[in-house]
Amino acid sequence: YREARDRDKPVDRYIASLRTYEKDRGMATLHRCGYDVSSAKRAFDRSNEDHEASSSSLADDDATTNDRDLEGRPLSQTERASFDDAIRIHRKQWTHIANDVGTSRARCLVHYYSRFKAGEGRGAYSKQKKSWEQSDECEVCHDGGDLLCCDGCVNAYHVGCIDPPLREIPVGQWFCVECMKKKKKK
């Protein structure tokens, strides 16, 4: 037991030395290097230098594609714009948002919690949050119960309160009369 524990100490120290957002890449590097800590450190440091060199050569704040991009590096200006569009369209469907932005769900979540929800995007978040909060009462009779939620706004309706009343719950997306009017104007 002691021999195995002593052999793992350099690995533990190496992992502990990594920042939180570097741990996944550090572990992958360690595995690729056959758990040779010295080789893993050199490979990891080289990948950091390569990333810094490629990042500094970017004219626009666009991201480069490598392992580090998946670990919490802040979204570039272009990615932030894509994120803003994607979160408006997909709400909190992180896989769809990440696909639209062209990055990992992890980076989108880090941006959402650190910048969009709590930081510079707080105003946009507050505005967006309103659209995510469905009503818990019917827009027509103002009573609760089993409600059909509009996919275009926060309004909800009893199936029987909709004019004309629906006989059954529609399959797929459903839009209320107000949202349909807005769509026609566009």
Protein backbone atom coordinates (compact mmCIF):
# COMPACT_ATOMS: atom_id res chain seq x y z
CA TYR A 1 0.00 0.00 0.00
CA ARG A 2 2.72 2.47 1.03
CA GLU A 3 4.66 1.82 -2.18
CA ALA A 4 1.57 2.58 -4.32
CA ARG A 5 0.77 5.68 -2.27
CA ASP A 6 4.33 7.03 -2.59
CA ARG A 7 4.33 6.37 -6.35
CA ASP A 8 1.10 8.43 -6.72
CA LYS A 9 2.32 11.45 -4.74
CA PRO A 10 3.87 13.26 -7.76
CA VAL A 11 0.65 12.71 -9.71
CA ASP A 12 -1.42 14.13 -6.86
CA ARG A 13 0.87 17.16 -6.56
CA TYR A 14 0.72 17.73 -10.33
CA ILE A 15 -3.08 17.64 -10.35
CA ALA A 16 -3.29 19.88 -7.28
CA SER A 17 -1.02 22.43 -9.01
CA LEU A 18 -3.47 22.91 -11.88
CA ARG A 19 -6.15 25.59 -11.90
CA THR A 20 -9.73 24.33 -11.85
CA TYR A 21 -10.29 25.09 -15.53
CA GLU A 22 -7.01 23.32 -16.42
CA LYS A 23 -7.68 20.02 -14.63
CA ASP A 24 -9.44 18.23 -17.49
CA ARG A 25 -6.71 19.10 -19.98
CA GLY A 26 -4.01 18.37 -17.40
CA MET A 27 -5.44 14.92 -16.70
CA ALA A 28 -5.71 14.19 -20.44
CA THR A 29 -2.10 15.30 -20.90
CA LEU A 30 -0.99 13.12 -17.99
CA HIS A 31 -2.78 10.12 -19.50
CA ARG A 32 -1.24 10.74 -22.97
CA CYS A 33 2.19 10.85 -21.31
CA GLY A 34 1.70 7.49 -19.61
CA TYR A 35 1.42 9.12 -16.16
CA ASP A 36 4.99 10.39 -16.36
CA VAL A 37 4.55 13.66 -14.46
CA SER A 38 7.68 15.34 -15.86
CA SER A 39 6.64 14.66 -19.45
CA ALA A 40 3.06 15.76 -18.71
CA LYS A 41 4.25 19.06 -17.22
CA ARG A 42 6.42 19.79 -20.27
CA ALA A 43 3.60 18.91 -22.70
CA PHE A 44 1.10 20.95 -20.72
CA ASP A 45 3.41 23.99 -20.58
CA ARG A 46 4.07 23.69 -24.34
CA SER A 47 0.34 23.67 -25.07
CA ASN A 48 -0.07 26.81 -22.92
CA GLU A 49 2.72 28.56 -24.82
CA ASP A 50 1.25 27.50 -28.18
CA HIS A 51 -2.16 28.79 -27.12
CA GLU A 52 -0.79 32.15 -25.93
CA ALA A 53 1.16 32.59 -29.17
CA SER A 54 -1.88 31.81 -31.32
CA SER A 55 -4.17 33.98 -29.18
CA SER A 56 -1.90 36.99 -29.37
CA SER A 57 -1.77 36.73 -33.16
CA LEU A 58 -5.55 36.99 -33.56
CA ALA A 59 -6.66 40.30 -35.00
CA ASP A 60 -10.27 39.83 -33.90
CA ASP A 61 -10.98 38.41 -30.47
CA ASP A 62 -11.95 35.07 -32.06
CA ALA A 63 -11.13 31.77 -30.39
CA THR A 64 -8.78 29.17 -31.76
CA THR A 65 -9.72 25.52 -31.65
CA ASN A 66 -7.68 23.54 -29.18
CA ASP A 67 -8.17 21.76 -25.85
CA ARG A 68 -7.90 24.94 -23.80
CA ASP A 69 -10.99 26.38 -25.52
CA LEU A 70 -13.10 23.79 -23.78
CA GLU A 71 -12.12 24.72 -20.25
CA GLY A 72 -13.51 28.05 -19.17
CA ARG A 73 -11.46 30.54 -21.14
CA PRO A 74 -13.77 33.56 -21.53
CA LEU A 75 -15.86 33.68 -24.68
CA SER A 76 -14.50 35.91 -27.42
CA GLN A 77 -16.47 38.93 -28.60
CA THR A 78 -17.81 36.95 -31.55
CA GLU A 79 -18.76 34.03 -29.31
CA ARG A 80 -20.52 36.38 -26.86
CA ALA A 81 -22.64 37.76 -29.69
CA SER A 82 -23.49 34.20 -30.79
CA PHE A 83 -24.25 33.28 -27.17
CA ASP A 84 -26.66 36.22 -26.81
CA ASP A 85 -28.52 35.16 -29.96
CA ALA A 86 -28.51 31.47 -29.02
CA ILE A 87 -29.78 31.94 -25.47
CA ARG A 88 -32.64 34.06 -26.76
CA ILE A 89 -33.60 31.33 -29.24
CA HIS A 90 -32.89 28.21 -27.17
CA ARG A 91 -33.51 29.53 -23.64
CA LYS A 92 -31.42 27.24 -21.41
CA GLN A 93 -30.96 24.31 -23.78
CA TRP A 94 -27.19 24.23 -23.31
CA THR A 95 -26.40 21.68 -26.00
CA HIS A 96 -28.14 23.78 -28.67
CA ILE A 97 -26.53 26.98 -27.36
CA ALA A 98 -23.05 25.39 -27.38
CA ASN A 99 -23.58 24.13 -30.94
CA ASP A 100 -24.63 27.62 -32.12
CA VAL A 101 -21.67 29.26 -30.37
CA GLY A 102 -19.27 26.57 -31.58
CA THR A 103 -17.86 25.66 -28.19
CA SER A 104 -18.50 23.37 -25.23
CA ARG A 105 -21.47 23.43 -22.88
CA ALA A 106 -19.01 24.00 -20.04
CA ARG A 107 -17.74 27.26 -21.54
CA CYS A 108 -21.31 28.42 -22.18
CA LEU A 109 -22.26 27.66 -18.58
CA VAL A 110 -19.20 29.45 -17.23
CA HIS A 111 -20.09 32.49 -19.35
CA TYR A 112 -23.75 32.30 -18.31
CA TYR A 113 -23.03 32.24 -14.56
CA SER A 114 -20.01 34.53 -14.44
CA ARG A 115 -20.75 37.15 -17.10
CA PHE A 116 -24.28 36.93 -18.47
CA LYS A 117 -26.18 36.34 -15.24
CA ALA A 118 -23.99 38.14 -12.74
CA GLY A 119 -21.64 40.41 -14.64
CA GLU A 120 -21.68 42.65 -17.67
CA GLY A 121 -24.75 40.94 -19.16
CA ARG A 122 -26.95 41.37 -16.08
CA GLY A 123 -29.39 43.71 -17.87
CA ALA A 124 -29.83 41.32 -20.79
CA TYR A 125 -30.21 38.43 -18.33
CA SER A 126 -32.96 40.20 -16.37
CA LYS A 127 -34.82 40.96 -19.58
CA GLN A 128 -34.37 37.41 -20.87
CA LYS A 129 -35.38 35.87 -17.54
CA LYS A 130 -38.79 37.51 -17.78
CA SER A 131 -39.43 35.69 -21.04
CA TRP A 132 -38.51 32.35 -19.40
CA GLU A 133 -41.02 32.69 -16.56
CA GLN A 134 -44.28 31.16 -17.73
CA SER A 135 -47.49 32.40 -16.16
CA ASP A 136 -49.17 30.09 -13.68
CA GLU A 137 -52.66 31.42 -14.39
CA CYS A 138 -54.85 31.57 -17.47
CA GLU A 139 -54.54 34.82 -19.39
CA VAL A 140 -58.33 34.81 -20.06
CA CYS A 141 -59.99 33.73 -16.78
CA HIS A 142 -57.04 34.34 -14.40
CA ASP A 143 -57.49 30.93 -12.79
CA GLY A 144 -54.83 28.23 -12.37
CA GLY A 145 -54.99 24.58 -13.27
CA ASP A 146 -53.93 22.65 -16.35
CA LEU A 147 -52.58 25.31 -18.71
CA LEU A 148 -51.24 25.37 -22.24
CA CYS A 149 -48.12 27.56 -22.36
CA CYS A 150 -47.38 29.71 -25.39
CA ASP A 151 -43.98 29.01 -26.94
CA GLY A 152 -43.61 32.66 -27.97
CA CYS A 153 -44.33 34.51 -24.71
CA VAL A 154 -45.02 33.93 -21.02
CA ASN A 155 -48.81 33.63 -21.37
CA ALA A 156 -50.69 30.44 -20.52
CA TYR A 157 -54.27 29.41 -21.24
CA HIS A 158 -56.85 26.77 -20.40
CA VAL A 159 -57.58 24.77 -23.55
CA GLY A 160 -61.25 25.75 -23.22
CA CYS A 161 -60.51 29.48 -22.75
CA ILE A 162 -58.74 29.84 -26.09
CA ASP A 163 -60.94 31.37 -28.80
CA PRO A 164 -61.81 29.18 -30.61
CA PRO A 165 -61.44 26.49 -27.89
CA LEU A 166 -59.03 23.64 -28.60
CA ARG A 167 -60.32 20.09 -28.32
CA GLU A 168 -56.90 18.67 -27.48
CA ILE A 169 -53.40 19.81 -26.60
CA PRO A 170 -51.46 20.49 -29.83
CA VAL A 171 -48.31 18.50 -30.62
CA GLY A 172 -45.15 20.58 -31.08
CA GLN A 173 -44.92 24.33 -30.63
CA TRP A 174 -48.06 26.35 -30.02
CA PHE A 175 -48.40 30.15 -30.18
CA CYS A 176 -51.17 32.24 -28.66
CA VAL A 177 -53.28 34.68 -30.67
CA GLU A 178 -51.13 37.65 -29.57
CA CYS A 179 -47.92 36.00 -30.75
CA MET A 180 -49.55 34.98 -34.03
CA LYS A 181 -50.55 38.64 -34.59
CA LYS A 182 -46.95 39.74 -33.94
CA LYS A 183 -45.64 37.13 -36.38
CA LYS A 184 -48.02 38.30 -39.10
CA LYS A 185 -46.85 41.94 -38.68
CA LYS A 186 -43.23 40.88 -39.30
